Structure formats: C-alpha cells, structure tokens
Amino acid sequence: MAEVYKMIKNRGVGTLAREAIRRGMNNKEALEYVHAVLPGVATTMQCINWYRCKMRKNGEKVMTNRQLAATRDAQQRTALELDVA
C-alpha cells in the first residue's frame, strides 16, 4: 500500500500534464487524462495551457493547441481524400 501511495504521490498534476502533452494530446485530452488519473483535482484548461507554454519556453519541442488542431484536421482531410479516391 505504501508503494502505491508513493507512486501516485510522485506523479502530480504537473507531471501528468507534461506527460500527456509530450504524448501529443491536445489540452482537452490532457485535462481528461489528468482527471482520470487523479479524480477530484481542480485542474482546468488554463492549467494545462500553462504547462504547455512553460514547456515551450523551456525549449521543449511541443506544438501549441492550435498547431495540434491544424495538424489533425489536415490528417483527417488527407484520410478522407484517400478514402474517396
């Protein structure tokens, strides 16, 4: 039991948010991920956006939420075009 608590204790909101962002999740998906792992936390979209901006300021190569949306839209359009062809 102590080991499980220690694992959860070492993975706070910030760690989970940065992990989700690095996995390519957008802000909404990252927020859902944090709430799924740590139910009851008061994390908001603004918190997730703050972590994303902080990571970019620290030199990490992560896309903005808008860039992610544009990339996904382009991928979906390409997939639809391939299905039609």
Protein backbone atom coordinates (compact mmCIF):
# COMPACT_ATOMS: atom_id res chain seq x y z
CA MET A 1 0.00 0.00 0.00
CA ALA A 2 2.82 2.43 0.82
CA GLU A 3 4.43 1.76 -2.58
CA VAL A 4 1.21 2.59 -4.44
CA TYR A 5 0.84 5.86 -2.48
CA LYS A 6 4.45 6.74 -3.21
CA MET A 7 3.96 6.19 -6.96
CA ILE A 8 0.86 8.40 -7.02
CA LYS A 9 2.47 11.00 -4.78
CA ASN A 10 5.42 11.37 -7.16
CA ARG A 11 3.10 11.84 -10.16
CA GLY A 12 1.29 15.07 -9.51
CA VAL A 13 -0.79 17.19 -11.83
CA GLY A 14 2.24 18.83 -13.44
CA THR A 15 3.95 15.54 -14.17
CA LEU A 16 0.79 14.06 -15.64
CA ALA A 17 0.01 17.16 -17.70
CA ARG A 18 3.52 17.32 -19.18
CA GLU A 19 3.41 13.58 -19.88
CA ALA A 20 0.11 13.95 -21.75
CA ILE A 21 1.39 16.93 -23.73
CA ARG A 22 4.54 15.05 -24.72
CA ARG A 23 2.34 12.18 -25.95
CA GLY A 24 0.71 14.59 -28.40
CA MET A 25 -2.58 15.15 -26.59
CA ASN A 26 -4.39 18.44 -27.04
CA ASN A 27 -5.38 20.47 -23.98
CA LYS A 28 -8.82 18.87 -23.66
CA GLU A 29 -7.42 15.34 -23.88
CA ALA A 30 -4.63 16.18 -21.43
CA LEU A 31 -7.16 17.58 -18.97
CA GLU A 32 -9.31 14.45 -19.26
CA TYR A 33 -6.20 12.32 -18.71
CA VAL A 34 -5.23 14.22 -15.54
CA HIS A 35 -8.77 13.96 -14.17
CA ALA A 36 -8.91 10.24 -14.97
CA VAL A 37 -5.68 9.51 -13.11
CA LEU A 38 -6.26 11.96 -10.25
CA PRO A 39 -10.02 12.32 -9.77
CA GLY A 40 -11.11 15.30 -7.72
CA VAL A 41 -8.23 17.62 -8.63
CA ALA A 42 -9.13 21.20 -9.52
CA THR A 43 -7.07 21.31 -12.71
CA THR A 44 -8.52 23.44 -15.52
CA MET A 45 -7.81 24.02 -19.21
CA GLN A 46 -5.85 27.11 -18.21
CA CYS A 47 -3.58 24.93 -16.07
CA ILE A 48 -2.89 22.58 -18.96
CA ASN A 49 -2.23 25.52 -21.27
CA TRP A 50 0.17 26.98 -18.69
CA TYR A 51 2.17 23.72 -18.63
CA ARG A 52 2.25 23.65 -22.46
CA CYS A 53 3.52 27.25 -22.61
CA LYS A 54 6.07 26.64 -19.86
CA MET A 55 7.41 23.58 -21.73
CA ARG A 56 7.79 25.66 -24.91
CA LYS A 57 9.55 28.45 -23.01
CA ASN A 58 11.96 25.87 -21.59
CA GLY A 59 12.86 24.79 -25.11
CA GLU A 60 10.82 21.62 -25.48
CA LYS A 61 9.51 20.95 -28.97
CA VAL A 62 5.78 20.72 -28.29
CA MET A 63 3.07 22.05 -30.57
CA THR A 64 0.59 24.66 -29.45
CA ASN A 65 -3.00 23.56 -29.12
CA ARG A 66 -3.82 25.37 -32.39
CA GLN A 67 -0.97 23.64 -34.22
CA LEU A 68 -2.19 20.27 -32.98
CA ALA A 69 -5.72 21.03 -34.19
CA ALA A 70 -4.46 22.14 -37.61
CA THR A 71 -2.27 19.04 -37.96
CA ARG A 72 -5.13 16.73 -37.01
CA ASP A 73 -7.51 18.49 -39.41
CA ALA A 74 -5.01 18.10 -42.24
CA GLN A 75 -4.52 14.42 -41.41
CA GLN A 76 -8.28 13.84 -41.38
CA ARG A 77 -8.72 15.62 -44.72
CA THR A 78 -5.92 13.52 -46.22
CA ALA A 79 -7.51 10.32 -44.88
CA LEU A 80 -10.88 11.32 -46.30
CA GLU A 81 -9.32 12.10 -49.68
CA LEU A 82 -7.66 8.68 -49.71
CA ASP A 83 -10.97 7.00 -48.84
CA VAL A 84 -12.75 8.80 -51.68
CA ALA A 85 -10.08 8.05 -54.24
